Amino acid sequence: MPWSEEEDTTGMCIAGDENSDGENSCEILDEVVDTGNNETEPTTILPGIGNSNNTGNDGNASQNSTDNSNATWQGIQTENPVFWRCTTHVQESALNNNISAENVHSKINSVIVPDWCDTLVDPDTIITNLSGNDLTNGETVYSPYSDEYASMSYDLDRNLTINYYGLTNETCAGSFNETDSSCSSIVEMPTFDVGPEYVFLVDQNSQQAIWRYNVTDEYVVIGTITEVVYGSSEGMYAANFEGLIHQQNATQWDDFSFDSLFNISWTQQDNDTSKWVVVFFLSTDCGHCWNAGDELSQWHDTYGEKAVFLAMAVNFSSSSNFKAQPEEVVAFQEKTTYIGCKGGSSDCSERPGEVHTFPYFDDRNQSVMYSWGVTGTPAYFILSPDGQFVWNQYQHRSSNGGDGENIEEALFRIFS
């Protein structure tokens, strides 16, 4: 049993204290149930090119093929939002023979992206018949890729060539060039119709995509149709949940909707005041959460200007020692006198750290906890301002094959 059954328990986990990655947590005895959130990895026809045939919702996103080499758009039937996700490339001629990652990034950072980027797709506005060849006239365009850069070009035979630089032979899925550490992938495009604003592509596997683009002498902005895929894995979007939330010093619990924290149109290129979201699940009766109280205070003080912090207060149905009432959650948050924290015998006012000025959400019925696949507390997640998971604690655990990065390291990397 991972819980102490004695009445005077301190709330510390009896088993599972030390994970292989060095993180402490109270592991949940309850079986984490399948909540049917249907996590589905988005598919692509090329690295960085979204596939409009994404069928994350029972195959209900549809798009037909070509008719006499002309694309016909029939619209999208999907329950999830579909929008233009834009990627900016810089023209080779604008780099003045300097294709360093620094120069590529510098040029792209100065680009003003079209106002249709990251907006919902309106099928009625898409041109139904495409003809022409005015996309980039075959010129190579460059874009950032990690700390390096990538290039893309197409030739008269409708072959798309993607070159990634800074890779190794082991990580290259195409043809590797040791001279410049580049990895080249060539994809034949039986259909590559280009119009004044849209491109229709079909690759050799009959996968389809529509691009929307904007071209100048210096850059190319390409928008791919992207369906929002819900789940808790990195790269997916958080589904909305609603419930009660308690703000520090509030006299009552207020209604709260999780999607109120996000802007689906936000992009990495936005230099606005949009805040990221740091979510952590805790139990006021978990000894490790008790000990983490001070770290949570420090992280909020350090990164609170860049991120909203949200505590998810949970109970464990498998243990009679983890049955916090709302009064206990508030006392834990505000460090007020209440005998019941850390397993039932500790005064909440003695919790390490300062008063938590960030809000607490009432998830004592574990509904959000189960839907996010949380198996213990504390558990940490980081989401971008558009609601996308960018860091999931479980995917970085060494025991799960991850890189071992912990939440403190992730906060520093993302926000510093």
Protein backbone atom coordinates (compact mmCIF):
# COMPACT_ATOMS: atom_id res chain seq x y z
CA MET A 1 0.00 0.00 0.00
CA PRO A 2 1.44 3.39 -0.91
CA TRP A 3 -0.41 5.07 1.94
CA SER A 4 0.18 4.80 5.64
CA GLU A 5 -2.91 3.35 7.31
CA GLU A 6 -2.10 4.73 10.76
CA GLU A 7 -4.39 7.49 12.00
CA ASP A 8 -1.47 9.79 12.85
CA THR A 9 0.10 9.52 9.41
CA THR A 10 2.24 12.43 8.27
CA GLY A 11 0.99 12.04 4.74
CA MET A 12 4.34 11.00 3.32
CA CYS A 13 4.18 8.17 0.79
CA ILE A 14 5.34 4.85 2.24
CA ALA A 15 6.28 3.50 -1.21
CA GLY A 16 7.34 5.16 -4.39
CA ASP A 17 9.23 8.01 -2.71
CA GLU A 18 12.20 7.94 -5.03
CA ASN A 19 11.58 7.65 -8.75
CA SER A 20 14.39 6.77 -11.08
CA ASP A 21 14.52 10.34 -12.33
CA GLY A 22 14.99 11.77 -8.85
CA GLU A 23 11.53 13.29 -8.54
CA ASN A 24 9.44 12.71 -5.45
CA SER A 25 5.74 12.08 -5.72
CA CYS A 26 2.81 10.41 -4.02
CA GLU A 27 1.74 7.71 -6.43
CA ILE A 28 -1.99 7.13 -6.83
CA LEU A 29 -3.37 3.75 -5.82
CA ASP A 30 -6.52 4.35 -7.87
CA GLU A 31 -6.54 2.87 -11.34
CA VAL A 32 -6.29 5.71 -13.83
CA VAL A 33 -9.25 5.10 -16.08
CA ASP A 34 -9.54 5.63 -19.81
CA THR A 35 -11.50 8.85 -20.13
CA GLY A 36 -11.88 8.61 -23.86
CA ASN A 37 -10.03 11.80 -24.72
CA ASN A 38 -8.95 10.05 -27.93
CA GLU A 39 -5.42 11.38 -28.14
CA THR A 40 -4.34 11.22 -31.77
CA GLU A 41 -1.02 12.32 -33.16
CA PRO A 42 -1.44 14.79 -36.03
CA THR A 43 -0.11 13.47 -39.33
CA THR A 44 2.01 15.28 -41.91
CA ILE A 45 2.85 14.77 -45.54
CA LEU A 46 6.30 16.31 -45.10
CA PRO A 47 8.34 17.60 -42.17
CA GLY A 48 6.60 20.82 -41.18
CA ILE A 49 3.76 20.47 -43.71
CA GLY A 50 0.35 19.79 -42.21
CA ASN A 51 -1.83 17.07 -43.71
CA SER A 52 -5.35 18.31 -44.42
CA ASN A 53 -6.49 14.69 -44.36
CA ASN A 54 -5.97 14.57 -40.59
CA THR A 55 -8.59 12.15 -39.28
CA GLY A 56 -8.21 12.59 -35.56
CA ASN A 57 -12.00 12.58 -35.17
CA ASP A 58 -13.18 9.33 -36.72
CA GLY A 59 -12.00 10.39 -40.15
CA ASN A 60 -14.45 13.23 -40.47
CA ALA A 61 -11.98 15.71 -41.93
CA SER A 62 -12.30 15.37 -45.66
CA GLN A 63 -10.82 16.72 -48.82
CA ASN A 64 -11.15 15.41 -52.34
CA SER A 65 -8.49 14.87 -54.97
CA THR A 66 -7.83 16.73 -58.17
CA ASP A 67 -9.88 17.00 -61.32
CA ASN A 68 -7.78 17.49 -64.45
CA SER A 69 -4.87 18.71 -62.28
CA ASN A 70 -7.06 21.40 -60.72
CA ALA A 71 -7.85 21.33 -57.00
CA THR A 72 -11.46 21.42 -55.88
CA TRP A 73 -12.20 22.36 -52.31
CA GLN A 74 -15.24 20.76 -50.70
CA GLY A 75 -14.80 22.09 -47.20
CA ILE A 76 -14.01 20.47 -43.88
CA GLN A 77 -16.42 18.54 -41.69
CA THR A 78 -14.87 18.30 -38.26
CA GLU A 79 -15.93 18.87 -34.68
CA ASN A 80 -12.57 20.41 -33.82
CA PRO A 81 -11.38 23.89 -34.85
CA VAL A 82 -9.31 24.03 -38.03
CA PHE A 83 -7.02 26.99 -38.67
CA TRP A 84 -4.04 28.20 -40.68
CA ARG A 85 -0.79 27.40 -38.89
CA CYS A 86 1.91 29.53 -40.49
CA THR A 87 5.60 28.91 -41.08
CA THR A 88 7.85 31.74 -42.22
CA HIS A 89 10.73 31.16 -44.64
CA VAL A 90 13.29 33.65 -45.91
CA GLN A 91 14.26 33.83 -49.57
CA GLU A 92 17.80 32.75 -50.39
CA SER A 93 18.47 36.00 -52.25
CA ALA A 94 17.71 38.02 -49.09
CA LEU A 95 20.44 36.27 -47.08
CA ASN A 96 23.36 37.72 -49.11
CA ASN A 97 25.16 34.36 -49.18
CA ASN A 98 25.02 34.13 -45.38
CA ILE A 99 22.87 31.10 -44.53
CA SER A 100 23.86 30.91 -40.89
CA ALA A 101 21.11 30.11 -38.39
CA GLU A 102 21.65 33.53 -36.80
CA ASN A 103 21.08 35.36 -40.08
CA VAL A 104 18.03 33.23 -40.93
CA HIS A 105 16.49 33.92 -37.53
CA SER A 106 17.27 37.63 -37.78
CA LYS A 107 15.56 37.97 -41.16
CA ILE A 108 12.50 35.98 -40.11
CA ASN A 109 12.07 37.89 -36.86
CA SER A 110 11.56 41.06 -38.90
CA VAL A 111 8.74 39.57 -41.01
CA ILE A 112 5.21 40.86 -40.47
CA VAL A 113 3.04 37.79 -41.01
CA PRO A 114 -0.28 38.05 -42.87
CA ASP A 115 -3.36 38.72 -40.76
CA TRP A 116 -4.91 35.40 -41.82
CA CYS A 117 -2.23 33.38 -40.05
CA ASP A 118 -3.54 31.36 -37.10
CA THR A 119 -7.14 32.23 -37.87
CA LEU A 120 -9.90 29.72 -38.44
CA VAL A 121 -10.17 28.39 -41.99
CA ASP A 122 -13.12 29.55 -44.08
CA PRO A 123 -13.47 27.01 -46.93
CA ASP A 124 -15.63 29.42 -48.92
CA THR A 125 -12.69 31.78 -49.39
CA ILE A 126 -10.39 29.16 -50.88
CA ILE A 127 -9.92 29.32 -54.61
CA THR A 128 -11.43 26.25 -56.24
CA ASN A 129 -9.32 26.15 -59.40
CA LEU A 130 -5.59 26.61 -59.21
CA SER A 131 -3.15 27.21 -62.04
CA GLY A 132 0.22 28.87 -62.35
CA ASN A 133 3.70 28.48 -60.92
CA ASP A 134 4.41 31.69 -59.05
CA LEU A 135 5.11 30.39 -55.54
CA THR A 136 8.88 30.82 -55.31
CA ASN A 137 9.95 30.20 -58.91
CA GLY A 138 11.96 27.26 -57.69
CA GLU A 139 14.16 29.35 -55.42
CA THR A 140 15.33 27.83 -52.16
CA VAL A 141 13.80 29.29 -49.01
CA TYR A 142 15.16 28.92 -45.50
CA SER A 143 13.50 28.65 -42.11
CA PRO A 144 14.69 28.10 -38.52
CA TYR A 145 14.85 24.51 -37.34
CA SER A 146 15.76 24.05 -33.68
CA ASP A 147 19.08 25.86 -33.21
CA GLU A 148 19.97 25.43 -36.86
CA TYR A 149 17.93 25.98 -40.02
CA ALA A 150 16.21 24.14 -42.83
CA SER A 151 15.81 24.82 -46.53
CA MET A 152 13.05 23.95 -48.95
CA SER A 153 12.83 24.11 -52.73
CA TYR A 154 10.99 22.53 -55.62
CA ASP A 155 12.03 21.84 -59.19
CA LEU A 156 10.27 21.71 -62.56
CA ASP A 157 9.54 18.01 -62.02
CA ARG A 158 7.42 18.93 -58.98
CA ASN A 159 9.83 17.40 -56.51
CA LEU A 160 10.00 19.03 -53.09
CA THR A 161 13.41 18.93 -51.44
CA ILE A 162 13.78 19.50 -47.70
CA ASN A 163 17.27 19.95 -46.24
CA TYR A 164 17.84 19.94 -42.49
CA TYR A 165 21.21 21.16 -41.25
CA GLY A 166 23.06 20.27 -38.07
CA LEU A 167 21.87 16.65 -37.94
CA THR A 168 23.85 13.42 -37.72
CA ASN A 169 23.83 10.41 -39.98
CA GLU A 170 21.97 8.47 -37.27
CA THR A 171 19.16 11.03 -37.01
CA CYS A 172 18.82 11.60 -40.76
CA ALA A 173 15.85 9.89 -42.41
CA GLY A 174 17.02 10.78 -45.92
CA SER A 175 20.36 11.30 -47.63
CA PHE A 176 23.12 12.56 -45.29
CA ASN A 177 25.88 14.91 -46.45
CA GLU A 178 28.88 14.82 -44.09
CA THR A 179 30.41 17.98 -45.58
CA ASP A 180 27.77 20.33 -44.18
CA SER A 181 25.94 17.89 -41.83
CA SER A 182 22.77 18.21 -43.86
CA CYS A 183 19.98 15.71 -44.28
CA SER A 184 18.10 15.79 -47.58
CA SER A 185 14.62 14.40 -48.21
CA ILE A 186 13.05 14.45 -51.67
CA VAL A 187 9.32 13.96 -52.01
CA GLU A 188 7.76 13.52 -55.41
CA MET A 189 4.56 15.50 -55.85
CA PRO A 190 2.39 14.09 -58.66
CA THR A 191 0.16 17.13 -58.17
CA PHE A 192 1.57 20.55 -57.36
CA ASP A 193 -0.92 23.20 -58.48
CA VAL A 194 -0.07 26.79 -57.65
CA GLY A 195 -2.50 29.70 -57.71
CA PRO A 196 -2.39 33.37 -56.74
CA GLU A 197 -2.80 32.55 -53.05
CA TYR A 198 -3.12 28.78 -52.62
CA VAL A 199 -1.18 25.63 -53.45
CA PHE A 200 -2.69 22.17 -53.71
CA LEU A 201 -0.34 19.22 -53.18
CA VAL A 202 -0.69 15.46 -53.44
CA ASP A 203 2.33 13.29 -52.71
CA GLN A 204 3.20 9.84 -54.04
CA ASN A 205 1.17 8.26 -51.22
CA SER A 206 -1.94 10.22 -52.24
CA GLN A 207 -1.79 12.34 -49.09
CA GLN A 208 -3.16 15.82 -49.67
CA ALA A 209 -2.51 19.30 -48.38
CA ILE A 210 -3.52 22.85 -49.18
CA TRP A 211 -1.15 25.71 -48.52
CA ARG A 212 -2.04 29.35 -48.30
CA TYR A 213 0.93 31.59 -48.94
CA ASN A 214 2.26 35.11 -49.14
CA VAL A 215 5.45 35.81 -51.12
CA THR A 216 7.71 38.85 -51.24
CA ASP A 217 11.24 39.32 -52.53
CA GLU A 218 12.55 38.59 -49.05
CA TYR A 219 10.33 35.97 -47.49
CA VAL A 220 7.66 33.31 -47.96
CA VAL A 221 4.92 32.69 -45.39
CA ILE A 222 3.17 29.32 -45.78
CA GLY A 223 0.00 28.43 -43.89
CA THR A 224 -1.03 24.78 -43.56
CA ILE A 225 -4.46 23.61 -42.50
CA THR A 226 -4.13 22.28 -38.98
CA GLU A 227 -6.81 20.57 -36.96
CA VAL A 228 -6.66 21.05 -33.23
CA VAL A 229 -5.98 17.64 -31.68
CA TYR A 230 -6.99 17.38 -28.04
CA GLY A 231 -5.07 15.42 -25.42
CA SER A 232 -2.39 15.95 -22.78
CA SER A 233 0.72 14.91 -24.75
CA GLU A 234 3.15 17.56 -25.89
CA GLY A 235 1.99 19.15 -29.13
CA MET A 236 -1.68 18.54 -28.37
CA TYR A 237 -4.22 21.04 -27.09
CA ALA A 238 -5.94 20.99 -23.72
CA ALA A 239 -9.65 20.29 -23.83
CA ASN A 240 -11.74 22.74 -21.88
CA PHE A 241 -12.96 21.95 -18.38
CA GLU A 242 -15.14 23.94 -16.02
CA GLY A 243 -15.61 24.06 -12.27
CA LEU A 244 -14.95 26.14 -9.17
CA ILE A 245 -11.82 28.13 -8.49
CA HIS A 246 -10.59 29.90 -5.37
CA GLN A 247 -8.56 33.08 -5.64
CA GLN A 248 -6.31 34.07 -2.76
CA ASN A 249 -8.20 36.13 -0.15
CA ALA A 250 -11.55 35.40 -1.82
CA THR A 251 -14.52 34.67 0.43
CA GLN A 252 -16.10 32.24 -2.03
CA TRP A 253 -15.34 29.81 -4.87
CA ASP A 254 -16.12 31.21 -8.33
CA ASP A 255 -17.07 29.62 -11.64
CA PHE A 256 -14.10 29.01 -13.92
CA SER A 257 -13.57 27.87 -17.51
CA PHE A 258 -10.08 26.66 -18.44
CA ASP A 259 -10.25 27.97 -22.02
CA SER A 260 -10.58 31.51 -20.66
CA LEU A 261 -6.79 31.42 -20.17
CA PHE A 262 -5.97 30.89 -23.86
CA ASN A 263 -6.01 32.56 -27.26
CA ILE A 264 -6.14 30.02 -30.11
CA SER A 265 -4.75 32.65 -32.52
CA TRP A 266 -1.55 33.18 -30.53
CA THR A 267 1.70 32.26 -32.28
CA GLN A 268 5.33 31.97 -31.23
CA GLN A 269 6.04 35.10 -33.27
CA ASP A 270 3.69 37.23 -31.18
CA ASN A 271 5.50 39.72 -28.99
CA ASP A 272 2.50 40.54 -26.85
CA THR A 273 1.68 40.12 -23.20
CA SER A 274 -0.02 36.74 -23.59
CA LYS A 275 0.88 34.50 -20.69
CA TRP A 276 1.82 30.85 -20.68
CA VAL A 277 0.11 28.53 -18.19
CA VAL A 278 1.80 26.34 -15.58
CA VAL A 279 -0.53 23.69 -14.16
CA PHE A 280 0.32 21.43 -11.23
CA PHE A 281 -1.76 18.79 -9.46
CA LEU A 282 -1.38 18.53 -5.71
CA SER A 283 -3.07 17.02 -2.69
CA THR A 284 -3.09 18.98 0.54
CA ASP A 285 -2.57 15.63 2.30
CA CYS A 286 0.48 14.61 0.24
CA GLY A 287 3.75 15.10 2.08
CA HIS A 288 5.67 15.78 -1.11
CA CYS A 289 3.17 18.49 -2.07
CA TRP A 290 3.57 19.94 1.41
CA ASN A 291 7.33 20.08 0.91
CA ALA A 292 6.90 21.58 -2.59
CA GLY A 293 4.97 24.54 -1.17
CA ASP A 294 8.12 26.64 -0.91
CA GLU A 295 9.29 25.82 -4.45
CA LEU A 296 5.88 26.76 -5.85
CA SER A 297 6.14 30.13 -4.11
CA GLN A 298 9.61 30.74 -5.53
CA TRP A 299 8.70 29.69 -9.08
CA HIS A 300 5.65 31.93 -9.05
CA ASP A 301 7.72 34.87 -7.83
CA THR A 302 10.30 34.24 -10.56
CA TYR A 303 8.07 33.47 -13.56
CA GLY A 304 4.72 34.99 -12.61
CA GLU A 305 5.20 37.85 -15.08
CA LYS A 306 5.35 35.37 -17.96
CA ALA A 307 2.97 32.63 -16.87
CA VAL A 308 -0.30 32.02 -15.07
CA PHE A 309 0.08 29.42 -12.31
CA LEU A 310 -2.88 27.14 -11.58
CA ALA A 311 -3.02 24.60 -8.74
CA MET A 312 -5.33 21.61 -9.21
CA ALA A 313 -6.38 20.37 -5.75
CA VAL A 314 -7.19 16.63 -5.84
CA ASN A 315 -8.21 13.89 -3.41
CA PHE A 316 -7.50 10.16 -3.68
CA SER A 317 -10.53 7.90 -3.42
CA SER A 318 -8.26 4.99 -2.47
CA SER A 319 -7.19 6.47 0.88
CA SER A 320 -9.22 7.76 3.81
CA ASN A 321 -6.25 9.97 4.70
CA PHE A 322 -6.56 11.99 1.48
CA LYS A 323 -10.04 13.49 1.81
CA ALA A 324 -9.57 17.25 1.97
CA GLN A 325 -12.59 19.48 2.35
CA PRO A 326 -12.73 22.91 0.62
CA GLU A 327 -11.78 24.57 3.91
CA GLU A 328 -8.55 22.56 4.00
CA VAL A 329 -7.67 23.47 0.41
CA VAL A 330 -8.12 27.18 1.18
CA ALA A 331 -6.07 26.88 4.38
CA PHE A 332 -3.27 25.14 2.45
CA GLN A 333 -3.36 27.87 -0.20
CA GLU A 334 -3.42 30.78 2.26
CA LYS A 335 -1.39 29.25 5.11
CA THR A 336 -4.12 29.77 7.70
CA THR A 337 -4.79 27.72 10.81
CA TYR A 338 -6.55 24.43 10.02
CA ILE A 339 -5.68 21.03 11.45
CA GLY A 340 -5.92 18.54 8.61
CA CYS A 341 -3.14 19.07 6.08
CA LYS A 342 -0.39 16.54 5.28
CA GLY A 343 -2.38 13.44 6.10
CA GLY A 344 -4.81 14.96 8.59
CA SER A 345 -2.67 15.91 11.59
CA SER A 346 -0.73 19.01 10.55
CA ASP A 347 -1.67 22.67 10.82
CA CYS A 348 -1.93 24.09 7.31
CA SER A 349 -0.44 27.38 8.52
CA GLU A 350 2.90 25.59 8.98
CA ARG A 351 3.20 24.66 5.29
CA PRO A 352 6.61 25.57 3.79
CA GLY A 353 6.72 28.61 1.54
CA GLU A 354 4.70 31.78 1.35
CA VAL A 355 0.98 32.29 0.84
CA HIS A 356 0.09 31.07 -2.64
CA THR A 357 -1.34 34.05 -4.51
CA PHE A 358 -2.19 31.92 -7.56
CA PRO A 359 -5.64 30.29 -7.81
CA TYR A 360 -6.65 26.75 -6.76
CA PHE A 361 -9.10 24.72 -8.85
CA ASP A 362 -11.36 22.18 -7.14
CA ASP A 363 -10.55 18.83 -8.79
CA ARG A 364 -11.15 16.77 -5.68
CA ASN A 365 -13.32 14.39 -7.75
CA GLN A 366 -10.20 13.72 -9.89
CA SER A 367 -11.99 14.28 -13.20
CA VAL A 368 -9.32 16.49 -14.80
CA MET A 369 -6.55 14.52 -13.12
CA TYR A 370 -7.68 11.29 -14.78
CA SER A 371 -8.26 12.92 -18.18
CA TRP A 372 -4.68 14.26 -18.15
CA GLY A 373 -3.23 10.87 -17.21
CA VAL A 374 -1.88 12.02 -13.85
CA THR A 375 -0.69 9.10 -11.70
CA GLY A 376 0.68 10.92 -8.66
CA THR A 377 1.20 14.26 -6.98
CA PRO A 378 2.74 16.69 -7.44
CA ALA A 379 2.51 16.54 -11.25
CA TYR A 380 3.48 19.42 -13.53
CA PHE A 381 2.51 20.66 -17.02
CA ILE A 382 3.32 23.77 -19.08
CA LEU A 383 1.05 25.10 -21.84
CA SER A 384 1.61 27.86 -24.40
CA PRO A 385 -0.77 30.85 -24.61
CA ASP A 386 -2.83 29.08 -27.30
CA GLY A 387 -3.52 26.08 -25.04
CA GLN A 388 -0.94 23.67 -26.45
CA PHE A 389 0.98 21.33 -24.15
CA VAL A 390 4.67 22.16 -24.43
CA TRP A 391 5.90 20.20 -21.39
CA ASN A 392 4.41 17.09 -19.81
CA GLN A 393 6.25 15.77 -16.75
CA TYR A 394 5.65 12.12 -17.64
CA GLN A 395 7.18 12.39 -21.10
CA HIS A 396 10.47 13.60 -19.61
CA ARG A 397 10.85 10.98 -16.91
CA SER A 398 13.90 8.79 -17.42
CA SER A 399 11.83 5.78 -16.43
CA ASN A 400 9.57 6.51 -19.42
CA GLY A 401 12.49 6.93 -21.81
CA GLY A 402 12.55 10.72 -21.46
CA ASP A 403 15.50 13.08 -21.10
CA GLY A 404 15.15 13.40 -17.31
CA GLU A 405 14.36 17.12 -17.39
CA ASN A 406 12.45 18.18 -14.26
CA ILE A 407 9.97 21.00 -13.84
CA GLU A 408 12.50 23.49 -12.46
CA GLU A 409 14.80 22.92 -15.44
CA ALA A 410 11.85 23.20 -17.85
CA LEU A 411 10.71 26.51 -16.35
CA PHE A 412 14.19 27.95 -16.66
CA ARG A 413 14.62 26.71 -20.24
CA ILE A 414 11.26 27.98 -21.48
CA PHE A 415 11.06 31.29 -19.65
CA SER A 416 14.70 32.31 -19.30
